[in-house]
């Protein structure tokens, strides 16, 4: 990564005309951050640059150097955002070239070759003489080609991961559907059971007998005699029925 700083001479040149108290405070914090950065106190440098940007969020130096301190802490997404802010607030072509170069480096760290190639090309547009950008561009292009020849590399892995996630999601959906189906079947069985119990309650139940034991005994004897008489009458009727006799001619 290009460790570009706006040294005191540059800062004086930038703020020597019409400098205000607020600008001087911003510059002082940036210089403090630069000293901390050189001592590899990157977290402290980050804090100083952020304080400077609170005073002037359009400071090219503050945005760029904050990106450097974040990069050294391997917080590449945050660093990339600060380099992008540097491009937005302006600055000389050299600064734009370095910001694009460092953006390319953040993509390189994440093995995002296509994005890094684009960034290095932007760096070379701003500064065609930048040999480091040219070298990194060639390296990123070679890595992209290798990835494509190997069948996608990280992209292929991402696709496999996505496929696994999709399969997992489908399985979970099926499990949920099965649970819903089982629940519905259970509810249906419970409803049928309740309906059966209700129907049984509605059926007429035999009334308890109000007869005394003696009366019940006499009733049974009378029924038995009646049944016996019916059987005798039936037998007599069968015996009395005429058979078929052929005539004797």
Protein backbone atom coordinates (compact mmCIF):
# COMPACT_ATOMS: atom_id res chain seq x y z
CA UNK A 1 0.00 0.00 0.00
CA UNK A 2 1.25 3.48 -0.73
CA UNK A 3 1.90 5.22 2.54
CA UNK A 4 1.19 8.65 1.21
CA UNK A 5 1.09 11.56 3.66
CA UNK A 6 0.59 15.25 3.25
CA UNK A 7 3.74 16.50 4.92
CA UNK A 8 3.92 19.80 6.74
CA UNK A 9 5.27 21.61 3.70
CA UNK A 10 2.33 20.46 1.62
CA UNK A 11 -0.15 21.30 4.38
CA UNK A 12 1.27 24.79 4.73
CA UNK A 13 0.99 25.22 1.00
CA UNK A 14 -2.62 24.12 1.04
CA UNK A 15 -3.69 26.24 3.99
CA UNK A 16 -1.34 29.20 3.92
CA UNK A 17 -3.91 31.37 2.12
CA UNK A 18 -6.90 32.45 4.19
CA UNK A 19 -6.24 29.91 6.92
CA UNK A 20 -8.73 30.06 9.77
CA UNK A 21 -8.56 28.91 13.36
CA UNK A 22 -10.74 25.88 12.54
CA UNK A 23 -8.47 24.91 9.65
CA UNK A 24 -5.39 25.23 11.84
CA UNK A 25 -7.03 22.91 14.39
CA UNK A 26 -7.75 20.39 11.62
CA UNK A 27 -4.16 20.55 10.37
CA UNK A 28 -2.80 20.09 13.88
CA UNK A 29 -4.83 16.91 14.37
CA UNK A 30 -3.73 15.56 10.99
CA UNK A 31 -0.07 16.20 11.86
CA UNK A 32 -0.62 14.41 15.17
CA UNK A 33 -2.17 11.47 13.31
CA UNK A 34 0.78 11.39 10.91
CA UNK A 35 3.24 11.15 13.80
CA UNK A 36 1.22 8.34 15.39
CA UNK A 37 1.03 6.51 12.06
CA UNK A 38 4.81 6.64 11.61
CA UNK A 39 5.14 5.08 15.08
CA UNK A 40 2.72 2.33 13.89
CA UNK A 41 0.15 3.50 16.42
CA UNK A 42 -2.60 2.99 13.87
CA UNK A 43 -5.60 3.01 16.22
CA UNK A 44 -4.42 6.28 17.77
CA UNK A 45 -3.80 7.74 14.33
CA UNK A 46 -7.32 6.72 13.33
CA UNK A 47 -8.74 8.62 16.30
CA UNK A 48 -6.75 11.76 15.43
CA UNK A 49 -7.83 11.71 11.78
CA UNK A 50 -11.47 11.23 12.78
CA UNK A 51 -11.28 14.25 15.09
CA UNK A 52 -9.80 16.26 12.23
CA UNK A 53 -12.67 15.19 9.95
CA UNK A 54 -15.19 16.25 12.59
CA UNK A 55 -13.83 19.75 12.10
CA UNK A 56 -13.61 19.46 8.32
CA UNK A 57 -15.09 16.38 6.68
CA UNK A 58 -13.91 17.56 3.26
CA UNK A 59 -10.24 17.37 4.20
CA UNK A 60 -8.43 15.40 1.51
CA UNK A 61 -5.55 14.65 3.85
CA UNK A 62 -7.83 13.54 6.68
CA UNK A 63 -9.86 11.17 4.52
CA UNK A 64 -6.85 9.67 2.76
CA UNK A 65 -4.71 9.19 5.85
CA UNK A 66 -7.66 7.78 7.81
CA UNK A 67 -7.97 5.21 5.03
CA UNK A 68 -4.29 4.33 5.47
CA UNK A 69 -4.66 3.82 9.24
CA UNK A 70 -7.70 1.57 8.70
CA UNK A 71 -5.87 -0.39 6.02
CA UNK A 72 -2.99 -1.12 8.39
CA UNK A 73 -5.56 -2.49 10.86
CA UNK A 74 -6.80 -4.79 8.07
CA UNK A 75 -10.21 -3.14 8.07
CA UNK A 76 -10.31 -3.11 4.32
CA UNK A 77 -13.98 -2.24 3.75
CA UNK A 78 -13.73 0.81 6.00
CA UNK A 79 -10.44 1.83 4.39
CA UNK A 80 -11.98 1.57 0.94
CA UNK A 81 -14.80 3.87 2.00
CA UNK A 82 -12.29 6.51 3.12
CA UNK A 83 -10.34 6.32 -0.13
CA UNK A 84 -13.65 6.74 -1.97
CA UNK A 85 -14.34 9.84 0.13
CA UNK A 86 -10.93 11.16 -0.86
CA UNK A 87 -11.92 10.90 -4.52
CA UNK A 88 -15.20 12.69 -3.80
CA UNK A 89 -13.68 15.69 -2.03
CA UNK A 90 -11.15 16.20 -4.80
CA UNK A 91 -7.41 16.70 -4.67
CA UNK A 92 -4.54 16.56 -7.13
CA UNK A 93 -4.18 13.88 -9.79
CA UNK A 94 -1.43 12.21 -7.81
CA UNK A 95 -3.71 11.89 -4.79
CA UNK A 96 -6.53 10.47 -6.95
CA UNK A 97 -4.08 8.01 -8.49
CA UNK A 98 -2.90 6.88 -5.04
CA UNK A 99 -6.47 6.61 -3.71
CA UNK A 100 -7.48 4.40 -6.65
CA UNK A 101 -4.31 2.36 -6.20
CA UNK A 102 -5.12 1.74 -2.53
CA UNK A 103 -8.73 0.89 -3.38
CA UNK A 104 -7.30 -1.72 -5.73
CA UNK A 105 -5.19 -3.06 -2.86
CA UNK A 106 -8.25 -3.45 -0.60
CA UNK A 107 -9.94 -5.50 -3.32
CA UNK A 108 -6.74 -7.47 -3.80
CA UNK A 109 -6.77 -8.42 -0.11
CA UNK A 110 -10.29 -9.83 -0.57
CA UNK A 111 -9.26 -11.61 -3.80
CA UNK A 112 -11.78 -9.59 -5.77
CA UNK A 113 -9.68 -9.51 -8.90
CA UNK A 114 -12.11 -7.84 -11.29
CA UNK A 115 -12.72 -4.92 -8.92
CA UNK A 116 -9.00 -4.51 -8.24
CA UNK A 117 -8.25 -4.49 -11.99
CA UNK A 118 -10.74 -1.67 -12.49
CA UNK A 119 -9.21 0.35 -9.65
CA UNK A 120 -5.64 -0.06 -10.91
CA UNK A 121 -6.74 1.04 -14.37
CA UNK A 122 -8.27 4.17 -12.82
CA UNK A 123 -5.00 4.79 -11.00
CA UNK A 124 -3.08 4.56 -14.28
CA UNK A 125 -5.50 6.95 -15.97
CA UNK A 126 -4.68 9.55 -13.32
CA UNK A 127 -0.97 8.72 -13.35
CA UNK A 128 0.23 6.68 -16.37
CA UNK A 129 3.78 6.65 -14.97
CA UNK A 130 2.80 4.67 -11.86
CA UNK A 131 4.78 1.44 -12.26
CA UNK A 132 3.48 -0.04 -9.01
CA UNK A 133 -0.09 0.26 -10.28
CA UNK A 134 0.96 -1.29 -13.59
CA UNK A 135 2.61 -4.23 -11.82
CA UNK A 136 -0.39 -4.84 -9.54
CA UNK A 137 -2.72 -4.60 -12.54
CA UNK A 138 -0.79 -7.35 -14.33
CA UNK A 139 -0.79 -9.48 -11.18
CA UNK A 140 -4.55 -9.08 -10.69
CA UNK A 141 -5.20 -9.94 -14.34
CA UNK A 142 -3.07 -13.08 -14.02
CA UNK A 143 -4.91 -14.16 -10.88
CA UNK A 144 -8.29 -13.59 -12.52
CA UNK A 145 -7.24 -15.72 -15.51
CA UNK A 146 -6.02 -18.47 -13.18
CA UNK A 147 -9.29 -18.37 -11.28
CA UNK A 148 -11.30 -18.69 -14.47
CA UNK A 149 -9.17 -21.60 -15.69
CA UNK A 150 -9.63 -23.43 -12.40
CA UNK A 151 -13.37 -23.15 -12.75
CA UNK A 152 -14.29 -20.07 -10.83
CA UNK A 153 -12.10 -20.27 -7.74
CA UNK A 154 -13.79 -18.30 -5.00
CA UNK A 155 -16.83 -17.72 -7.18
CA UNK A 156 -17.24 -21.46 -7.54
CA UNK A 157 -16.92 -21.88 -3.78
CA UNK A 158 -19.50 -19.15 -3.27
CA UNK A 159 -21.87 -20.93 -5.66
CA UNK A 160 -21.41 -24.19 -3.76
CA UNK A 161 -22.07 -22.44 -0.49
CA UNK A 162 -25.18 -20.81 -1.95
CA UNK A 163 -26.35 -24.20 -3.23
CA UNK A 164 -25.84 -25.74 0.21
CA UNK A 165 -27.74 -22.88 1.81
CA UNK A 166 -30.54 -23.38 -0.70
CA UNK A 167 -30.70 -27.11 0.03
CA UNK A 168 -30.74 -26.41 3.74
CA UNK A 169 -33.52 -23.89 3.25
CA UNK A 170 -35.54 -26.38 1.18
CA UNK A 171 -35.09 -29.05 3.85
CA UNK A 172 -36.23 -26.65 6.55
CA UNK A 173 -39.26 -25.73 4.44
CA UNK A 174 -40.12 -29.41 3.97
CA UNK A 175 -39.74 -30.04 7.69
CA UNK A 176 -42.02 -27.10 8.43
CA UNK A 177 -44.58 -28.38 5.92
CA UNK A 178 -44.47 -31.84 7.48
CA UNK A 179 -44.94 -30.36 10.95
CA UNK A 180 -47.93 -28.37 9.69
CA UNK A 181 -49.38 -31.45 8.05
CA UNK A 182 -48.92 -33.56 11.20
CA UNK A 183 -50.48 -30.82 13.25
CA UNK A 184 -53.50 -30.64 10.92
CA UNK A 185 -53.93 -34.42 11.01
CA UNK A 186 -53.76 -34.40 14.81
CA UNK A 187 -56.34 -31.62 14.97
CA UNK A 188 -58.55 -33.57 12.56
CA UNK A 189 -58.34 -36.71 14.72
CA UNK A 190 -59.19 -34.73 17.82
CA UNK A 191 -62.19 -33.18 16.07
CA UNK A 192 -63.41 -36.61 14.91
CA UNK A 193 -63.02 -37.96 18.43
CA UNK A 194 -65.01 -35.07 19.86
CA UNK A 195 -67.71 -35.58 17.21
CA UNK A 196 -67.99 -39.28 18.05
CA UNK A 197 -68.29 -38.50 21.73
CA UNK A 198 -70.97 -35.94 20.96
CA UNK A 199 -72.94 -38.41 18.80
CA UNK A 200 -72.75 -41.06 21.51
CA UNK A 201 -74.12 -38.60 24.03
CA UNK A 202 -77.03 -37.80 21.71
CA UNK A 203 -78.04 -41.51 21.26
CA UNK A 204 -80.95 -42.67 23.52
CA UNK A 205 -79.70 -44.56 26.52
CA UNK A 206 -81.62 -47.53 28.00
CA UNK A 207 -83.73 -46.43 30.92
CA UNK A 208 -83.20 -48.28 34.16
CA UNK A 209 -85.95 -50.79 35.04
CA UNK A 210 -88.42 -49.76 37.72
CA UNK A 211 -89.72 -53.35 38.28
CA UNK A 212 -89.20 -55.16 41.53
CA UNK A 213 -87.27 -58.47 41.43
CA UNK A 214 -90.51 -60.43 41.90
CA UNK A 215 -92.25 -58.54 39.08
CA UNK A 216 -89.29 -59.07 36.79
CA UNK A 217 -89.31 -62.80 37.57
CA UNK A 218 -93.03 -63.12 36.80
CA UNK A 219 -92.55 -61.15 33.56
CA UNK A 220 -89.77 -63.47 32.43
CA UNK A 221 -91.89 -66.54 33.22
CA UNK A 222 -94.81 -65.11 31.23
CA UNK A 223 -92.53 -64.38 28.28
CA UNK A 224 -91.10 -67.88 28.47
CA UNK A 225 -94.59 -69.45 28.41
CA UNK A 226 -95.62 -67.24 25.54
CA UNK A 227 -92.52 -68.24 23.58
CA UNK A 228 -93.22 -71.92 24.30
CA UNK A 229 -96.81 -71.59 23.07
CA UNK A 230 -95.66 -69.91 19.88
CA UNK A 231 -93.21 -72.74 19.25
CA UNK A 232 -95.93 -75.38 19.76
CA UNK A 233 -98.33 -73.59 17.45
CA UNK A 234 -95.62 -73.39 14.84
CA UNK A 235 -94.90 -77.11 15.09
CA UNK A 236 -98.55 -77.99 14.80
CA UNK A 237 -98.88 -75.78 11.79
CA UNK A 238 -95.98 -77.50 10.09
CA UNK A 239 -97.36 -80.99 10.82
CA UNK A 240 -100.78 -80.00 9.62
CA UNK A 241 -99.61 -78.68 6.25
CA UNK A 242 -100.68 -81.11 3.47
CA UNK A 243 -98.09 -82.75 1.23
CA UNK A 244 -98.34 -83.21 -2.51
CA UNK A 245 -99.90 -86.56 -3.48
CA UNK A 246 -99.85 -87.86 -7.01
CA UNK A 247 -103.15 -89.27 -8.29
CA UNK A 248 -103.34 -92.99 -8.94
CA UNK A 249 -104.85 -93.25 -12.32
